[in-house]
Structure formats: structure tokens, C-alpha cells
Amino acid sequence: MLVADNLVKKFGNVAAVNGISLSLKPQEVLGFLGPNGSGKTTTMRMLTGFMNPTSGSVTMDGIALADNPIAVKSQLGYLPEGAPLYLDMTVLDFLKFCGEIRGLHGAYLRERLDISIGLLQIEEVLGKRIEALSKGFKRRVGFAQAILHDPAILILDEPTDGLDPNQKFHVRQMIKQLSATKAILISTHLLEEVGAVCSRAMIIARGKLVASGTPLELCKLSPHYHAVLATAAPSVLKLLRSAFVGNPLVTGVEEVRVNNKLTAIRLLNHQPAELLAAVNQAARAQNWVFESLLLEQDVLDDVFRRVTGGDGRHA
């Protein structure tokens, strides 16, 4: 539906984006991740035609953005970073203005206003000037204008930024609902958002793609995925370590320390079920008492640090 091929954006001699390619399919929510300064926002600006690439191309259904920008942009909904708005307008006047410049009029404009306002739950602020709104409400008004014309593709830059936990949950549910009829690309620095709403994710660093896959595929890039993590008294953990160092089921042993106190042992492995059973058997035989014993699964933060160099290594 939307294809970017080898996008490059240079500012002087600095390449903010250096060869990013991606495709966005119908009914897909693609998470776009990266550290601050990695090139996420610059890429999204090129995808929406807000910024021209130094080289590379963007097409939608085979139509080149550079050749026919109005045709492509008519099918795009864009929530930019910071959601810049006309601060002196009321929320309702702003949304009406956005609808009219999109070519919406009459009964259809009123219908789309009702739908967008209802989905974002902004009824209570329709008569307020945008400058008087909280950051969260400004973000929701920006989101409302992005879906106002019922676009086929949504490009959302940090859509839950500034929202409280209840509002974040509502917006994530709405994104999943909208994905039934739209293709959605969502930039976020919240890794839990990937598991909550994304069917696929890309991670970029220093302007380049460093990892891509489903949330599960990305989790499997971490040696911590399905590691056995045991929490117990330090004396028990030392016995556990001694018992399983060198065990053929174990590929590595890591200590977890808080304030230099041993608080947990992580047993890396390729056979989690067998190892977990072996640890349980040893615990019963030795009368070890664990505070917790689990298989680690939510390890996207570890993957993110590894592939972006955030753990001190290069990607």
C-alpha cells in the first residue's frame, strides 16, 4: 500500500536517514522504533511529503509521491511530532477548517466530525481555544484531524505522547480498531506499545535499519528470551548457580544485583521447558525456596539496547 525505497536525507554532510526502505500493508500496524536522533521523525516527514528526500522514493499503490503529491496525500492521515495546531482557533473551528481544506462539505463533513470527535473523546473541549488545552488534549485534537477525512493510511508520530494511562489505553484500543480498515505506521519510544498494538516493528539507529520483524521475532533476538529467572535469598541463589554452571541445558549464567546485593540469577538456555523442570526438581530435592521462578518473555528493551548500541556495543 505504501512503499519507501532507499530513503536518504542529508543535512549538509550529515545523513539523518541513510537508506531506509519499508512497506506498509493494509490492516497492518507497523511500529517504528529508534533512539532519540535516530531519524524516525525525518523518515515520517518524507513518507508524508512534508519533507523531500535527498534520494529515494515513496509510492502509494504505485503512485509516486513526487509525481502526484495531492493524490497520495489525499489518502494519508498524519499526526506529526508535537501536533502543531492553530492555537488561536477553537477545537471545533480547527477541525471544520481541516475538513474543508480536505474537500469535505455539508452532511459528510458533519458526519466525519461526529465520528472523529467521538473516537477521540474531545466533546468537552470543542468550544475551547487550542492554546488553553492540556498537552494530552492537544494531542487528541491532532489525532482527530488525522482521521477526519477517513484516510487509507495513518502515519502517527508518538500518538500517545502526553496522555495519561487511561488515555493511552483508549488510544491504543482505537488504533487496533482503525487497523481493521487502514494501514498504520506508528512511531513510539514506548516499547510496551509495540506488544500492545503492533503486528510488526522496525528498529532504526543512526539513520539505518538495524532490526525488523514481528514483536515475537524481535524478542527472540535477545539471549534473555525464555531465560529462567530465579529470585530468592542470596544463599539460595549461590547454591542454584553452583548447581547449574556447566549444566548442558544452560548456555550462560548471569547475576542480577541491586545495590551490590545479589537478588536474582538468570539461566540462559535453548530448552526453557526442560531447564525449568530441572530447576524445580533441584529445588524440591534441596529445599530451596524461591520468591519467584519464571521464564522471561517481555525482553524488547534488551533487544532495543543491543541492536541500537545502547548497551555499550555497536549494532
C-alpha atoms as a PDB file:
ATOM      1  CA  MET A   1       0.000   0.000   0.000  1.00  0.00           C
ATOM      2  CA  LEU A   2       2.802   2.397   0.972  1.00  0.00           C
ATOM      3  CA  VAL A   3       6.389   1.685  -0.091  1.00  0.00           C
ATOM      4  CA  ALA A   4       9.548   3.627   0.702  1.00  0.00           C
ATOM      5  CA  ASP A   5      12.630   2.667  -1.269  1.00  0.00           C
ATOM      6  CA  ASN A   6      16.117   3.541  -0.032  1.00  0.00           C
ATOM      7  CA  LEU A   7      15.237   6.897   1.529  1.00  0.00           C
ATOM      8  CA  VAL A   8      18.177   9.199   2.233  1.00  0.00           C
ATOM      9  CA  LYS A   9      18.027  12.636   3.823  1.00  0.00           C
ATOM     10  CA  LYS A  10      21.163  14.703   4.266  1.00  0.00           C
ATOM     11  CA  PHE A  11      21.576  17.993   6.089  1.00  0.00           C
ATOM     12  CA  GLY A  12      24.878  19.272   4.791  1.00  0.00           C
ATOM     13  CA  ASN A  13      27.290  16.383   5.157  1.00  0.00           C
ATOM     14  CA  VAL A  14      25.220  14.648   7.820  1.00  0.00           C
ATOM     15  CA  ALA A  15      22.898  11.806   6.754  1.00  0.00           C
ATOM     16  CA  ALA A  16      19.953  11.892   9.183  1.00  0.00           C
ATOM     17  CA  VAL A  17      18.390   8.999   7.240  1.00  0.00           C
ATOM     18  CA  ASN A  18      20.662   6.683   5.326  1.00  0.00           C
ATOM     19  CA  GLY A  19      18.940   4.126   3.109  1.00  0.00           C
ATOM     20  CA  ILE A  20      15.671   3.299   4.902  1.00  0.00           C
ATOM     21  CA  SER A  21      13.266   1.042   2.998  1.00  0.00           C
ATOM     22  CA  LEU A  22       9.896  -0.126   4.267  1.00  0.00           C
ATOM     23  CA  SER A  23       6.496  -1.329   3.132  1.00  0.00           C
ATOM     24  CA  LEU A  24       3.162  -0.845   4.849  1.00  0.00           C
ATOM     25  CA  LYS A  25       0.336  -3.251   4.060  1.00  0.00           C
ATOM     26  CA  PRO A  26      -3.437  -2.986   4.585  1.00  0.00           C
ATOM     27  CA  GLN A  27      -4.630  -3.914   8.088  1.00  0.00           C
ATOM     28  CA  GLU A  28      -1.075  -3.725   9.404  1.00  0.00           C
ATOM     29  CA  VAL A  29       0.193  -1.692  12.360  1.00  0.00           C
ATOM     30  CA  LEU A  30       3.917  -1.156  11.836  1.00  0.00           C
ATOM     31  CA  GLY A  31       5.870   0.067  14.837  1.00  0.00           C
ATOM     32  CA  PHE A  32       8.745   2.407  14.013  1.00  0.00           C
ATOM     33  CA  LEU A  33      11.290   2.484  16.826  1.00  0.00           C
ATOM     34  CA  GLY A  34      14.638   4.093  17.478  1.00  0.00           C
ATOM     35  CA  PRO A  35      16.572   6.204  19.992  1.00  0.00           C
ATOM     36  CA  ASN A  36      16.246   9.981  20.004  1.00  0.00           C
ATOM     37  CA  GLY A  37      18.001  11.374  16.936  1.00  0.00           C
ATOM     38  CA  SER A  38      17.852   8.075  15.035  1.00  0.00           C
ATOM     39  CA  GLY A  39      15.911   9.541  12.080  1.00  0.00           C
ATOM     40  CA  LYS A  40      12.341   8.416  12.873  1.00  0.00           C
ATOM     41  CA  THR A  41      10.660  11.812  12.556  1.00  0.00           C
ATOM     42  CA  THR A  42      12.694  12.731   9.461  1.00  0.00           C
ATOM     43  CA  THR A  43      11.623   9.464   7.815  1.00  0.00           C
ATOM     44  CA  MET A  44       7.968  10.085   8.631  1.00  0.00           C
ATOM     45  CA  ARG A  45       8.188  13.592   7.217  1.00  0.00           C
ATOM     46  CA  MET A  46       9.487  12.135   3.956  1.00  0.00           C
ATOM     47  CA  LEU A  47       6.760   9.465   3.905  1.00  0.00           C
ATOM     48  CA  THR A  48       4.072  12.147   4.143  1.00  0.00           C
ATOM     49  CA  GLY A  49       5.617  14.582   1.667  1.00  0.00           C
ATOM     50  CA  PHE A  50       6.289  17.142   4.386  1.00  0.00           C
ATOM     51  CA  MET A  51       9.982  16.898   3.513  1.00  0.00           C
ATOM     52  CA  ASN A  52      11.631  15.900   0.231  1.00  0.00           C
ATOM     53  CA  PRO A  53      14.253  13.131   0.385  1.00  0.00           C
ATOM     54  CA  THR A  54      17.790  13.719  -0.842  1.00  0.00           C
ATOM     55  CA  SER A  55      17.347  10.454  -2.734  1.00  0.00           C
ATOM     56  CA  GLY A  56      14.979   7.511  -2.758  1.00  0.00           C
ATOM     57  CA  SER A  57      11.249   7.352  -3.412  1.00  0.00           C
ATOM     58  CA  VAL A  58       7.841   6.953  -1.775  1.00  0.00           C
ATOM     59  CA  THR A  59       4.922   5.349  -3.630  1.00  0.00           C
ATOM     60  CA  MET A  60       1.340   4.500  -2.692  1.00  0.00           C
ATOM     61  CA  ASP A  61      -0.417   1.882  -4.798  1.00  0.00           C
ATOM     62  CA  GLY A  62       2.203   2.505  -7.460  1.00  0.00           C
ATOM     63  CA  ILE A  63       1.686   6.303  -7.484  1.00  0.00           C
ATOM     64  CA  ALA A  64       4.895   8.216  -6.789  1.00  0.00           C
ATOM     65  CA  LEU A  65       4.578  10.871  -4.098  1.00  0.00           C
ATOM     66  CA  ALA A  66       6.993  13.105  -6.012  1.00  0.00           C
ATOM     67  CA  ASP A  67       4.932  12.866  -9.224  1.00  0.00           C
ATOM     68  CA  ASN A  68       1.417  13.245  -7.808  1.00  0.00           C
ATOM     69  CA  PRO A  69       1.605  14.545  -4.230  1.00  0.00           C
ATOM     70  CA  ILE A  70      -2.059  15.560  -3.979  1.00  0.00           C
ATOM     71  CA  ALA A  71      -3.322  12.085  -4.956  1.00  0.00           C
ATOM     72  CA  VAL A  72      -1.064  10.409  -2.398  1.00  0.00           C
ATOM     73  CA  LYS A  73      -1.617  12.928   0.402  1.00  0.00           C
ATOM     74  CA  SER A  74      -5.394  12.683  -0.010  1.00  0.00           C
ATOM     75  CA  GLN A  75      -5.099   9.098   1.251  1.00  0.00           C
ATOM     76  CA  LEU A  76      -2.764   9.941   4.130  1.00  0.00           C
ATOM     77  CA  GLY A  77      -3.595  10.973   7.664  1.00  0.00           C
ATOM     78  CA  TYR A  78      -0.624  12.476   9.515  1.00  0.00           C
ATOM     79  CA  LEU A  79      -0.170  13.179  13.209  1.00  0.00           C
ATOM     80  CA  PRO A  80       3.178  14.996  13.308  1.00  0.00           C
ATOM     81  CA  GLU A  81       5.584  15.384  16.177  1.00  0.00           C
ATOM     82  CA  GLY A  82       4.176  17.959  18.591  1.00  0.00           C
ATOM     83  CA  ALA A  83       0.911  18.098  16.598  1.00  0.00           C
ATOM     84  CA  PRO A  84       1.300  21.765  15.521  1.00  0.00           C
ATOM     85  CA  LEU A  85      -2.093  23.454  15.571  1.00  0.00           C
ATOM     86  CA  TYR A  86      -3.611  26.907  15.110  1.00  0.00           C
ATOM     87  CA  LEU A  87      -3.606  27.824  18.771  1.00  0.00           C
ATOM     88  CA  ASP A  88      -5.970  30.791  18.473  1.00  0.00           C
ATOM     89  CA  MET A  89      -8.779  28.692  16.968  1.00  0.00           C
ATOM     90  CA  THR A  90     -11.351  26.728  18.932  1.00  0.00           C
ATOM     91  CA  VAL A  91     -11.159  22.966  18.602  1.00  0.00           C
ATOM     92  CA  LEU A  92     -14.372  22.765  16.559  1.00  0.00           C
ATOM     93  CA  ASP A  93     -13.379  25.588  14.218  1.00  0.00           C
ATOM     94  CA  PHE A  94      -9.979  23.997  13.681  1.00  0.00           C
ATOM     95  CA  LEU A  95     -11.466  20.604  12.813  1.00  0.00           C
ATOM     96  CA  LYS A  96     -14.018  22.186  10.478  1.00  0.00           C
ATOM     97  CA  PHE A  97     -11.193  24.075   8.776  1.00  0.00           C
ATOM     98  CA  CYS A  98      -9.160  20.860   8.388  1.00  0.00           C
ATOM     99  CA  GLY A  99     -12.173  19.096   6.890  1.00  0.00           C
ATOM    100  CA  GLU A 100     -12.886  21.899   4.439  1.00  0.00           C
ATOM    101  CA  ILE A 101      -9.318  22.088   3.116  1.00  0.00           C
ATOM    102  CA  ARG A 102      -9.567  18.312   2.623  1.00  0.00           C
ATOM    103  CA  GLY A 103     -12.618  18.910   0.441  1.00  0.00           C
ATOM    104  CA  LEU A 104     -15.278  17.799   2.928  1.00  0.00           C
ATOM    105  CA  HIS A 105     -18.555  19.749   2.992  1.00  0.00           C
ATOM    106  CA  GLY A 106     -22.140  19.614   4.178  1.00  0.00           C
ATOM    107  CA  ALA A 107     -23.593  16.470   5.700  1.00  0.00           C
ATOM    108  CA  TYR A 108     -20.471  14.379   5.065  1.00  0.00           C
ATOM    109  CA  LEU A 109     -18.272  16.886   6.905  1.00  0.00           C
ATOM    110  CA  ARG A 110     -20.687  16.846   9.864  1.00  0.00           C
ATOM    111  CA  GLU A 111     -20.671  13.030   9.843  1.00  0.00           C
ATOM    112  CA  ARG A 112     -16.883  12.831   9.817  1.00  0.00           C
ATOM    113  CA  LEU A 113     -16.632  15.473  12.556  1.00  0.00           C
ATOM    114  CA  ASP A 114     -19.001  13.470  14.768  1.00  0.00           C
ATOM    115  CA  ILE A 115     -17.010  10.265  14.201  1.00  0.00           C
ATOM    116  CA  SER A 116     -13.589  11.834  14.843  1.00  0.00           C
ATOM    117  CA  ILE A 117     -14.736  13.828  17.872  1.00  0.00           C
ATOM    118  CA  GLY A 118     -16.388  10.734  19.359  1.00  0.00           C
ATOM    119  CA  LEU A 119     -13.442   8.436  18.793  1.00  0.00           C
ATOM    120  CA  LEU A 120     -11.011  10.869  20.453  1.00  0.00           C
ATOM    121  CA  GLN A 121     -13.480  11.805  23.219  1.00  0.00           C
ATOM    122  CA  ILE A 122     -12.920  15.548  22.892  1.00  0.00           C
ATOM    123  CA  GLU A 123     -16.534  16.708  23.151  1.00  0.00           C
ATOM    124  CA  GLU A 124     -15.878  18.662  26.337  1.00  0.00           C
ATOM    125  CA  VAL A 125     -13.257  20.934  24.738  1.00  0.00           C
ATOM    126  CA  LEU A 126     -14.891  21.719  21.365  1.00  0.00           C
ATOM    127  CA  GLY A 127     -15.550  25.352  22.313  1.00  0.00           C
ATOM    128  CA  LYS A 128     -12.139  25.977  23.895  1.00  0.00           C
ATOM    129  CA  ARG A 129      -9.208  27.687  22.207  1.00  0.00           C
ATOM    130  CA  ILE A 130      -6.473  25.197  21.442  1.00  0.00           C
ATOM    131  CA  GLU A 131      -3.851  27.255  23.291  1.00  0.00           C
ATOM    132  CA  ALA A 132      -5.800  26.663  26.527  1.00  0.00           C
ATOM    133  CA  LEU A 133      -5.747  22.862  26.224  1.00  0.00           C
ATOM    134  CA  SER A 134      -3.506  20.453  28.085  1.00  0.00           C
ATOM    135  CA  LYS A 135      -0.779  18.630  26.156  1.00  0.00           C
ATOM    136  CA  GLY A 136      -2.884  15.471  26.154  1.00  0.00           C
ATOM    137  CA  PHE A 137      -5.958  17.192  24.686  1.00  0.00           C
ATOM    138  CA  LYS A 138      -3.828  18.938  22.049  1.00  0.00           C
ATOM    139  CA  ARG A 139      -2.502  15.516  21.047  1.00  0.00           C
ATOM    140  CA  ARG A 140      -6.016  14.121  20.779  1.00  0.00           C
ATOM    141  CA  VAL A 141      -7.166  17.078  18.660  1.00  0.00           C
ATOM    142  CA  GLY A 142      -4.188  16.468  16.366  1.00  0.00           C
ATOM    143  CA  PHE A 143      -5.192  12.820  16.103  1.00  0.00           C
ATOM    144  CA  ALA A 144      -8.779  13.816  15.299  1.00  0.00           C
ATOM    145  CA  GLN A 145      -7.657  15.896  12.303  1.00  0.00           C
ATOM    146  CA  ALA A 146      -5.527  12.977  11.083  1.00  0.00           C
ATOM    147  CA  ILE A 147      -8.525  10.636  10.778  1.00  0.00           C
ATOM    148  CA  LEU A 148     -11.094  13.294   9.816  1.00  0.00           C
ATOM    149  CA  HIS A 149     -11.069  12.535   6.067  1.00  0.00           C
ATOM    150  CA  ASP A 150     -11.095   8.733   6.612  1.00  0.00           C
ATOM    151  CA  PRO A 151      -7.669   8.118   5.040  1.00  0.00           C
ATOM    152  CA  ALA A 152      -6.458   4.695   3.931  1.00  0.00           C
ATOM    153  CA  ILE A 153      -3.084   5.197   5.627  1.00  0.00           C
ATOM    154  CA  LEU A 154      -2.251   6.720   9.008  1.00  0.00           C
ATOM    155  CA  ILE A 155       1.230   7.996   9.885  1.00  0.00           C
ATOM    156  CA  LEU A 156       1.333   8.653  13.634  1.00  0.00           C
ATOM    157  CA  ASP A 157       4.370  10.195  15.323  1.00  0.00           C
ATOM    158  CA  GLU A 158       4.213   9.429  19.080  1.00  0.00           C
ATOM    159  CA  PRO A 159       0.374   9.293  19.220  1.00  0.00           C
ATOM    160  CA  THR A 160       0.215   8.667  22.987  1.00  0.00           C
ATOM    161  CA  ASP A 161       2.777  11.309  23.964  1.00  0.00           C
ATOM    162  CA  GLY A 162       1.412  13.420  26.815  1.00  0.00           C
ATOM    163  CA  LEU A 163      -1.552  11.144  27.562  1.00  0.00           C
ATOM    164  CA  ASP A 164      -2.331   9.698  30.971  1.00  0.00           C
ATOM    165  CA  PRO A 165      -2.539   5.870  31.364  1.00  0.00           C
ATOM    166  CA  ASN A 166      -6.309   5.770  30.772  1.00  0.00           C
ATOM    167  CA  GLN A 167      -5.999   7.907  27.655  1.00  0.00           C
ATOM    168  CA  LYS A 168      -3.118   5.777  26.367  1.00  0.00           C
ATOM    169  CA  PHE A 169      -5.209   2.647  26.758  1.00  0.00           C
ATOM    170  CA  HIS A 170      -8.106   4.262  24.896  1.00  0.00           C
ATOM    171  CA  VAL A 171      -5.909   5.452  22.016  1.00  0.00           C
ATOM    172  CA  ARG A 172      -4.244   2.039  21.689  1.00  0.00           C
ATOM    173  CA  GLN A 173      -7.644   0.366  21.532  1.00  0.00           C
ATOM    174  CA  MET A 174      -8.690   2.887  18.903  1.00  0.00           C
ATOM    175  CA  ILE A 175      -5.562   2.185  16.812  1.00  0.00           C
ATOM    176  CA  LYS A 176      -6.353  -1.534  16.852  1.00  0.00           C
ATOM    177  CA  GLN A 177      -9.939  -0.745  15.840  1.00  0.00           C
ATOM    178  CA  LEU A 178      -8.835   1.536  12.988  1.00  0.00           C
ATOM    179  CA  SER A 179      -6.371  -1.065  11.690  1.00  0.00           C
ATOM    180  CA  ALA A 180      -9.300  -3.200  10.505  1.00  0.00           C
ATOM    181  CA  THR A 181      -9.730  -0.799   7.572  1.00  0.00           C
ATOM    182  CA  LYS A 182      -6.412   1.088   7.424  1.00  0.00           C
ATOM    183  CA  ALA A 183      -2.667   0.645   7.216  1.00  0.00           C
ATOM    184  CA  ILE A 184      -0.969   2.346  10.167  1.00  0.00           C
ATOM    185  CA  LEU A 185       2.631   3.327  10.866  1.00  0.00           C
ATOM    186  CA  ILE A 186       3.259   4.392  14.447  1.00  0.00           C
ATOM    187  CA  SER A 187       6.448   5.900  15.820  1.00  0.00           C
ATOM    188  CA  THR A 188       6.929   5.369  19.528  1.00  0.00           C
ATOM    189  CA  HIS A 189       9.610   5.244  22.208  1.00  0.00           C
ATOM    190  CA  LEU A 190       7.325   3.177  24.469  1.00  0.00           C
ATOM    191  CA  LEU A 191       8.318  -0.446  23.954  1.00  0.00           C
ATOM    192  CA  GLU A 192       5.162  -1.752  25.640  1.00  0.00           C
ATOM    193  CA  GLU A 193       3.216  -0.066  22.858  1.00  0.00           C
ATOM    194  CA  VAL A 194       4.753  -2.463  20.335  1.00  0.00           C
ATOM    195  CA  GLY A 195       3.316  -5.519  22.046  1.00  0.00           C
ATOM    196  CA  ALA A 196       0.023  -3.715  22.678  1.00  0.00           C
ATOM    197  CA  VAL A 197      -0.816  -2.585  19.139  1.00  0.00           C
ATOM    198  CA  CYS A 198       1.813  -3.540  16.521  1.00  0.00           C
ATOM    199  CA  SER A 199       1.748  -6.533  14.195  1.00  0.00           C
ATOM    200  CA  ARG A 200       5.300  -5.803  13.014  1.00  0.00           C
ATOM    201  CA  ALA A 201       8.107  -3.487  14.092  1.00  0.00           C
ATOM    202  CA  MET A 202      11.259  -1.881  12.702  1.00  0.00           C
ATOM    203  CA  ILE A 203      14.132  -0.505  14.760  1.00  0.00           C
ATOM    204  CA  ILE A 204      16.464   2.115  13.311  1.00  0.00           C
ATOM    205  CA  ALA A 205      19.648   3.639  14.707  1.00  0.00           C
ATOM    206  CA  ARG A 206      21.891   6.325  13.248  1.00  0.00           C
ATOM    207  CA  GLY A 207      19.597   6.578  10.225  1.00  0.00           C
ATOM    208  CA  LYS A 208      19.783   2.884   9.297  1.00  0.00           C
ATOM    209  CA  LEU A 209      17.546  -0.142   9.776  1.00  0.00           C
ATOM    210  CA  VAL A 210      19.034  -2.475  12.407  1.00  0.00           C
ATOM    211  CA  ALA A 211      16.179  -4.931  13.121  1.00  0.00           C
ATOM    212  CA  SER A 212      12.770  -5.853  11.758  1.00  0.00           C
ATOM    213  CA  GLY A 213      10.120  -8.479  12.472  1.00  0.00           C
ATOM    214  CA  THR A 214       7.050  -9.323  14.490  1.00  0.00           C
ATOM    215  CA  PRO A 215       7.225  -8.495  18.215  1.00  0.00           C
ATOM    216  CA  LEU A 216       7.884 -12.192  18.910  1.00  0.00           C
ATOM    217  CA  GLU A 217      10.644 -12.394  16.295  1.00  0.00           C
ATOM    218  CA  LEU A 218      12.319  -9.341  17.800  1.00  0.00           C
ATOM    219  CA  CYS A 219      12.082 -10.770  21.321  1.00  0.00           C
ATOM    220  CA  LYS A 220      13.865 -13.906  20.133  1.00  0.00           C
ATOM    221  CA  LEU A 221      16.890 -11.774  19.204  1.00  0.00           C
ATOM    222  CA  SER A 222      17.639 -11.457  22.924  1.00  0.00           C
ATOM    223  CA  PRO A 223      19.521 -14.210  24.773  1.00  0.00           C
ATOM    224  CA  HIS A 224      17.255 -13.340  27.709  1.00  0.00           C
ATOM    225  CA  TYR A 225      14.158 -14.565  25.849  1.00  0.00           C
ATOM    226  CA  HIS A 226      12.834 -17.598  27.769  1.00  0.00           C
ATOM    227  CA  ALA A 227      15.715 -17.387  30.245  1.00  0.00           C
ATOM    228  CA  VAL A 228      14.880 -18.871  33.625  1.00  0.00           C
ATOM    229  CA  LEU A 229      14.909 -16.055  36.168  1.00  0.00           C
ATOM    230  CA  ALA A 230      15.040 -17.066  39.820  1.00  0.00           C
ATOM    231  CA  THR A 231      14.586 -14.624  42.704  1.00  0.00           C
ATOM    232  CA  ALA A 232      15.496 -15.791  46.189  1.00  0.00           C
ATOM    233  CA  ALA A 233      17.727 -15.173  49.185  1.00  0.00           C
ATOM    234  CA  PRO A 234      21.410 -14.722  48.193  1.00  0.00           C
ATOM    235  CA  SER A 235      22.360 -18.011  49.877  1.00  0.00           C
ATOM    236  CA  VAL A 236      19.838 -19.942  47.747  1.00  0.00           C
ATOM    237  CA  LEU A 237      20.937 -18.154  44.566  1.00  0.00           C
ATOM    238  CA  LYS A 238      24.576 -19.090  45.180  1.00  0.00           C
ATOM    239  CA  LEU A 239      23.571 -22.745  45.538  1.00  0.00           C
ATOM    240  CA  LEU A 240      21.489 -22.518  42.346  1.00  0.00           C
ATOM    241  CA  ARG A 241      24.398 -21.016  40.437  1.00  0.00           C
ATOM    242  CA  SER A 242      26.823 -23.685  41.637  1.00  0.00           C
ATOM    243  CA  ALA A 243      24.374 -26.441  40.713  1.00  0.00           C
ATOM    244  CA  PHE A 244      23.749 -25.268  37.150  1.00  0.00           C
ATOM    245  CA  VAL A 245      27.065 -23.802  35.987  1.00  0.00           C
ATOM    246  CA  GLY A 246      28.238 -26.313  33.396  1.00  0.00           C
ATOM    247  CA  ASN A 247      24.816 -27.951  33.057  1.00  0.00           C
ATOM    248  CA  PRO A 248      24.313 -28.935  29.368  1.00  0.00           C
ATOM    249  CA  LEU A 249      20.923 -27.211  29.373  1.00  0.00           C
ATOM    250  CA  VAL A 250      22.482 -23.863  30.356  1.00  0.00           C
ATOM    251  CA  THR A 251      24.254 -21.604  27.848  1.00  0.00           C
ATOM    252  CA  GLY A 252      25.109 -18.884  30.347  1.00  0.00           C
ATOM    253  CA  VAL A 253      24.560 -17.678  33.903  1.00  0.00           C
ATOM    254  CA  GLU A 254      24.022 -14.019  34.827  1.00  0.00           C
ATOM    255  CA  GLU A 255      23.771 -12.429  38.247  1.00  0.00           C
ATOM    256  CA  VAL A 256      21.254  -9.652  38.854  1.00  0.00           C
ATOM    257  CA  ARG A 257      22.432  -7.267  41.555  1.00  0.00           C
ATOM    258  CA  VAL A 258      20.700  -4.280  43.180  1.00  0.00           C
ATOM    259  CA  ASN A 259      22.922  -2.021  45.315  1.00  0.00           C
ATOM    260  CA  ASN A 260      25.615  -4.693  45.020  1.00  0.00           C
ATOM    261  CA  LYS A 261      23.284  -7.272  46.597  1.00  0.00           C
ATOM    262  CA  LEU A 262      22.615 -10.487  44.685  1.00  0.00           C
ATOM    263  CA  THR A 263      18.840 -10.511  44.053  1.00  0.00           C
ATOM    264  CA  ALA A 264      18.328 -12.939  41.155  1.00  0.00           C
ATOM    265  CA  ILE A 265      20.014 -15.476  38.893  1.00  0.00           C
ATOM    266  CA  ARG A 266      19.296 -15.669  35.161  1.00  0.00           C
ATOM    267  CA  LEU A 267      19.940 -19.015  33.450  1.00  0.00           C
ATOM    268  CA  LEU A 268      20.274 -18.617  29.664  1.00  0.00           C
ATOM    269  CA  ASN A 269      19.246 -21.612  27.587  1.00  0.00           C
ATOM    270  CA  HIS A 270      17.790 -23.050  24.372  1.00  0.00           C
ATOM    271  CA  GLN A 271      15.448 -25.524  26.068  1.00  0.00           C
ATOM    272  CA  PRO A 272      13.375 -23.493  28.555  1.00  0.00           C
ATOM    273  CA  ALA A 273      10.801 -26.141  29.461  1.00  0.00           C
ATOM    274  CA  GLU A 274      13.450 -28.773  30.227  1.00  0.00           C
ATOM    275  CA  LEU A 275      15.569 -26.324  32.229  1.00  0.00           C
ATOM    276  CA  LEU A 276      12.621 -25.036  34.237  1.00  0.00           C
ATOM    277  CA  ALA A 277      11.704 -28.628  35.119  1.00  0.00           C
ATOM    278  CA  ALA A 278      15.298 -29.336  36.164  1.00  0.00           C
ATOM    279  CA  VAL A 279      15.410 -26.251  38.399  1.00  0.00           C
ATOM    280  CA  ASN A 280      12.110 -27.228  40.021  1.00  0.00           C
ATOM    281  CA  GLN A 281      13.374 -30.755  40.610  1.00  0.00           C
ATOM    282  CA  ALA A 282      16.601 -29.454  42.212  1.00  0.00           C
ATOM    283  CA  ALA A 283      14.623 -27.006  44.360  1.00  0.00           C
ATOM    284  CA  ARG A 284      12.428 -29.801  45.742  1.00  0.00           C
ATOM    285  CA  ALA A 285      15.432 -32.036  46.405  1.00  0.00           C
ATOM    286  CA  GLN A 286      17.462 -29.281  48.136  1.00  0.00           C
ATOM    287  CA  ASN A 287      14.531 -27.488  49.816  1.00  0.00           C
ATOM    288  CA  TRP A 288      15.311 -24.222  48.022  1.00  0.00           C
ATOM    289  CA  VAL A 289      12.670 -21.538  48.497  1.00  0.00           C
ATOM    290  CA  PHE A 290      12.244 -19.085  45.604  1.00  0.00           C
ATOM    291  CA  GLU A 291      10.443 -15.778  45.818  1.00  0.00           C
ATOM    292  CA  SER A 292       9.742 -16.185  42.102  1.00  0.00           C
ATOM    293  CA  LEU A 293      10.718 -18.515  39.274  1.00  0.00           C
ATOM    294  CA  LEU A 294       9.705 -17.593  35.746  1.00  0.00           C
ATOM    295  CA  LEU A 295      10.527 -17.644  32.051  1.00  0.00           C
ATOM    296  CA  GLU A 296      11.372 -14.192  30.719  1.00  0.00           C
ATOM    297  CA  GLN A 297       9.348 -13.164  27.668  1.00  0.00           C
ATOM    298  CA  ASP A 298       8.981  -9.371  27.534  1.00  0.00           C
ATOM    299  CA  VAL A 299      12.569  -8.576  26.537  1.00  0.00           C
ATOM    300  CA  LEU A 300      12.089  -5.909  23.853  1.00  0.00           C
ATOM    301  CA  ASP A 301      14.003  -3.399  25.962  1.00  0.00           C
ATOM    302  CA  ASP A 302      17.026  -5.710  25.932  1.00  0.00           C
ATOM    303  CA  VAL A 303      16.743  -6.183  22.156  1.00  0.00           C
ATOM    304  CA  PHE A 304      16.415  -2.431  21.663  1.00  0.00           C
ATOM    305  CA  ARG A 305      19.586  -1.716  23.643  1.00  0.00           C
ATOM    306  CA  ARG A 306      21.534  -4.423  21.845  1.00  0.00           C
ATOM    307  CA  VAL A 307      20.650  -3.503  18.266  1.00  0.00           C
ATOM    308  CA  THR A 308      20.931   0.270  18.776  1.00  0.00           C
ATOM    309  CA  GLY A 309      24.181   0.109  20.713  1.00  0.00           C
ATOM    310  CA  GLY A 310      22.513   1.330  23.905  1.00  0.00           C
ATOM    311  CA  ASP A 311      24.261  -1.346  25.970  1.00  0.00           C
ATOM    312  CA  GLY A 312      27.704  -0.024  25.030  1.00  0.00           C
ATOM    313  CA  ARG A 313      28.112  -2.206  21.938  1.00  0.00           C
ATOM    314  CA  HIS A 314      27.731  -1.248  18.306  1.00  0.00           C
ATOM    315  CA  ALA A 315      24.714  -2.608  16.434  1.00  0.00           C
END
